[in-house]
Amino acid sequence: MQSITRKQGGNKKATSTVERFIEAWRKLEAQHDVKPMRHLYAMGAEIGNIISPEKFHGPERAREFWTKYRETFADVESRFRHRIIGEDCAALEWTTKWTTGSGNAVEYDGVSILEISCDKIVRFRAYFDSKALSRQVTGQQSASTWRRLGISHARPQKKRP
């Protein structure tokens, strides 16, 4: 179920930017096309998520961030459940489903926060429970995949006898 909640004073530009962002995300996942996502970001925009120690800045680094995201998964699809759109910001609740290299299905929920100015994203941050995600995929991904995701702690330590 998709719903849109607009705060008093919400504007059409912010709503349009959110819709273009969701469409770009879908295109990225389905077609590996990062160009629409790159064009949404302002010069100097800040892009990141809860697990990545590195923050990305500007459209070119947004392209790099989203390319890394897409390269992590063979098959991936996100569904946006709820949108809250204000004058210059938005919160998007989503569920992402993907299949590991060994064919196991993984699903996780998160929230993305967008700050918007002049029809461009000036700040993007994604939040999700990385520990719950790592529990689902522990032992199913290579160490290099975890490093690309920025999850260095995801693989459990072996218990000593």
Protein backbone atom coordinates (compact mmCIF):
# COMPACT_ATOMS: atom_id res chain seq x y z
CA MET A 1 0.00 0.00 0.00
CA GLN A 2 1.39 3.35 -1.01
CA SER A 3 0.30 6.56 0.63
CA ILE A 4 1.38 10.15 0.47
CA THR A 5 1.13 12.46 3.45
CA ARG A 6 1.82 16.11 2.80
CA LYS A 7 2.52 18.49 5.64
CA GLN A 8 0.83 21.83 5.57
CA GLY A 9 2.93 23.92 3.22
CA GLY A 10 4.24 20.95 1.23
CA ASN A 11 4.99 21.93 -2.35
CA LYS A 12 4.66 20.46 -5.80
CA LYS A 13 8.40 20.77 -6.51
CA ALA A 14 9.30 18.57 -3.54
CA THR A 15 6.62 16.05 -4.55
CA SER A 16 7.92 16.04 -8.13
CA THR A 17 11.49 15.49 -6.94
CA VAL A 18 10.38 12.59 -4.73
CA GLU A 19 8.49 10.99 -7.63
CA ARG A 20 11.52 11.37 -9.91
CA PHE A 21 13.74 9.88 -7.18
CA ILE A 22 11.50 6.82 -6.82
CA GLU A 23 11.39 6.36 -10.59
CA ALA A 24 15.19 6.70 -10.80
CA TRP A 25 15.59 4.12 -8.00
CA ARG A 26 13.32 1.68 -9.87
CA LYS A 27 15.23 2.24 -13.11
CA LEU A 28 18.52 1.70 -11.30
CA GLU A 29 17.35 -1.60 -9.85
CA ALA A 30 15.64 -2.91 -12.98
CA GLN A 31 17.96 -1.63 -15.71
CA HIS A 32 21.23 -0.81 -13.89
CA ASP A 33 20.80 2.78 -15.19
CA VAL A 34 22.36 5.23 -12.74
CA LYS A 35 22.05 8.38 -14.91
CA PRO A 36 18.56 9.43 -13.77
CA MET A 37 19.64 9.12 -10.13
CA ARG A 38 22.82 11.16 -10.70
CA HIS A 39 20.88 14.04 -12.26
CA LEU A 40 18.68 14.46 -9.17
CA TYR A 41 21.55 15.64 -6.95
CA ALA A 42 22.72 19.22 -6.47
CA MET A 43 26.36 20.22 -6.61
CA GLY A 44 27.75 19.64 -3.13
CA ALA A 45 24.90 17.31 -2.14
CA GLU A 46 25.70 14.87 0.67
CA ILE A 47 24.85 11.20 0.12
CA GLY A 48 25.24 8.30 2.54
CA ASN A 49 23.69 5.57 4.61
CA ILE A 50 23.90 4.17 8.10
CA ILE A 51 26.62 1.60 7.31
CA SER A 52 28.93 3.48 4.99
CA PRO A 53 31.70 5.34 6.80
CA GLU A 54 32.30 7.39 3.65
CA LYS A 55 30.04 10.29 2.73
CA PHE A 56 29.67 11.10 -0.94
CA HIS A 57 29.32 14.67 -2.26
CA GLY A 58 27.85 15.99 -5.51
CA PRO A 59 26.27 14.34 -8.56
CA GLU A 60 29.36 12.37 -9.63
CA ARG A 61 29.81 10.88 -6.18
CA ALA A 62 26.06 10.19 -6.06
CA ARG A 63 26.59 8.17 -9.24
CA GLU A 64 29.39 6.27 -7.48
CA PHE A 65 27.25 5.64 -4.37
CA TRP A 66 24.31 4.30 -6.36
CA THR A 67 26.54 2.26 -8.68
CA LYS A 68 28.04 0.55 -5.61
CA TYR A 69 24.55 -0.07 -4.26
CA ARG A 70 23.37 -1.70 -7.49
CA GLU A 71 26.52 -3.79 -8.01
CA THR A 72 25.97 -5.38 -4.60
CA PHE A 73 22.91 -7.32 -5.79
CA ALA A 74 22.18 -9.70 -8.64
CA ASP A 75 18.41 -9.18 -8.45
CA VAL A 76 16.92 -6.45 -6.30
CA GLU A 77 13.57 -4.70 -6.00
CA SER A 78 12.42 -2.04 -3.58
CA ARG A 79 8.84 -1.17 -2.75
CA PHE A 80 7.96 2.22 -1.27
CA ARG A 81 5.25 1.82 1.38
CA HIS A 82 4.82 5.32 2.70
CA ARG A 83 5.92 8.82 1.78
CA ILE A 84 5.91 11.91 3.94
CA ILE A 85 6.60 15.03 1.91
CA GLY A 86 7.17 18.47 3.36
CA GLU A 87 8.18 21.85 2.04
CA ASP A 88 11.82 20.92 1.46
CA CYS A 89 12.20 17.36 2.73
CA ALA A 90 10.76 13.88 2.46
CA ALA A 91 10.84 10.58 4.34
CA LEU A 92 10.33 7.39 2.35
CA GLU A 93 9.63 4.03 3.99
CA TRP A 94 10.62 1.08 1.86
CA THR A 95 11.20 -2.67 1.75
CA THR A 96 14.00 -4.07 -0.38
CA LYS A 97 14.05 -7.69 -1.52
CA TRP A 98 17.06 -9.31 -3.13
CA THR A 99 18.47 -12.71 -3.89
CA THR A 100 21.91 -13.79 -2.75
CA GLY A 101 24.36 -15.52 -5.06
CA SER A 102 23.31 -18.83 -3.51
CA GLY A 103 19.64 -18.14 -4.31
CA ASN A 104 18.43 -17.22 -0.82
CA ALA A 105 15.82 -14.47 -0.55
CA VAL A 106 16.61 -11.53 1.73
CA GLU A 107 14.25 -8.73 2.74
CA TYR A 108 14.86 -5.63 4.81
CA ASP A 109 13.02 -2.43 5.69
CA GLY A 110 14.38 1.07 5.84
CA VAL A 111 13.75 4.78 5.64
CA SER A 112 15.37 7.29 3.33
CA ILE A 113 15.46 10.98 4.20
CA LEU A 114 15.76 13.50 1.38
CA GLU A 115 16.43 17.20 1.81
CA ILE A 116 15.44 19.16 -1.28
CA SER A 117 16.28 22.60 -2.60
CA CYS A 118 15.40 24.07 -6.02
CA ASP A 119 14.11 20.71 -7.29
CA LYS A 120 17.42 18.95 -6.43
CA ILE A 121 18.41 16.62 -3.61
CA VAL A 122 20.91 18.36 -1.33
CA ARG A 123 21.12 15.58 1.25
CA PHE A 124 20.24 11.88 1.14
CA ARG A 125 20.55 9.46 4.01
CA ALA A 126 19.24 5.88 4.27
CA TYR A 127 18.62 4.15 7.60
CA PHE A 128 17.99 0.46 8.22
CA ASP A 129 18.83 -2.22 10.77
CA SER A 130 22.21 -3.43 9.53
CA LYS A 131 22.43 -6.10 12.23
CA ALA A 132 19.11 -7.65 11.22
CA LEU A 133 20.21 -7.53 7.58
CA SER A 134 23.54 -9.17 8.38
CA ARG A 135 21.79 -11.95 10.31
CA GLN A 136 19.77 -12.78 7.20
CA VAL A 137 22.79 -13.02 4.94
CA THR A 138 25.57 -14.18 7.28
CA GLY A 139 27.61 -16.81 5.55
CA GLN A 140 25.89 -16.20 2.21
CA GLN A 141 28.04 -13.38 0.88
CA SER A 142 31.75 -13.07 0.31
CA ALA A 143 33.88 -10.72 2.38
CA SER A 144 34.34 -8.45 -0.64
CA THR A 145 30.55 -8.00 -0.91
CA TRP A 146 30.41 -6.98 2.75
CA ARG A 147 33.23 -4.49 2.22
CA ARG A 148 31.36 -2.92 -0.73
CA LEU A 149 28.33 -2.57 1.53
CA GLY A 150 30.49 -1.09 4.27
CA ILE A 151 29.62 -3.90 6.68
CA SER A 152 32.88 -5.08 8.15
CA HIS A 153 31.27 -6.61 11.23
CA ALA A 154 28.67 -8.74 9.43
CA ARG A 155 30.48 -12.06 9.49
CA PRO A 156 30.26 -13.64 12.96
CA GLN A 157 33.33 -14.79 14.81
CA LYS A 158 33.70 -18.56 15.03
CA LYS A 159 33.15 -19.87 18.53
CA ARG A 160 36.19 -21.44 20.08
CA PRO A 161 35.73 -24.88 21.68
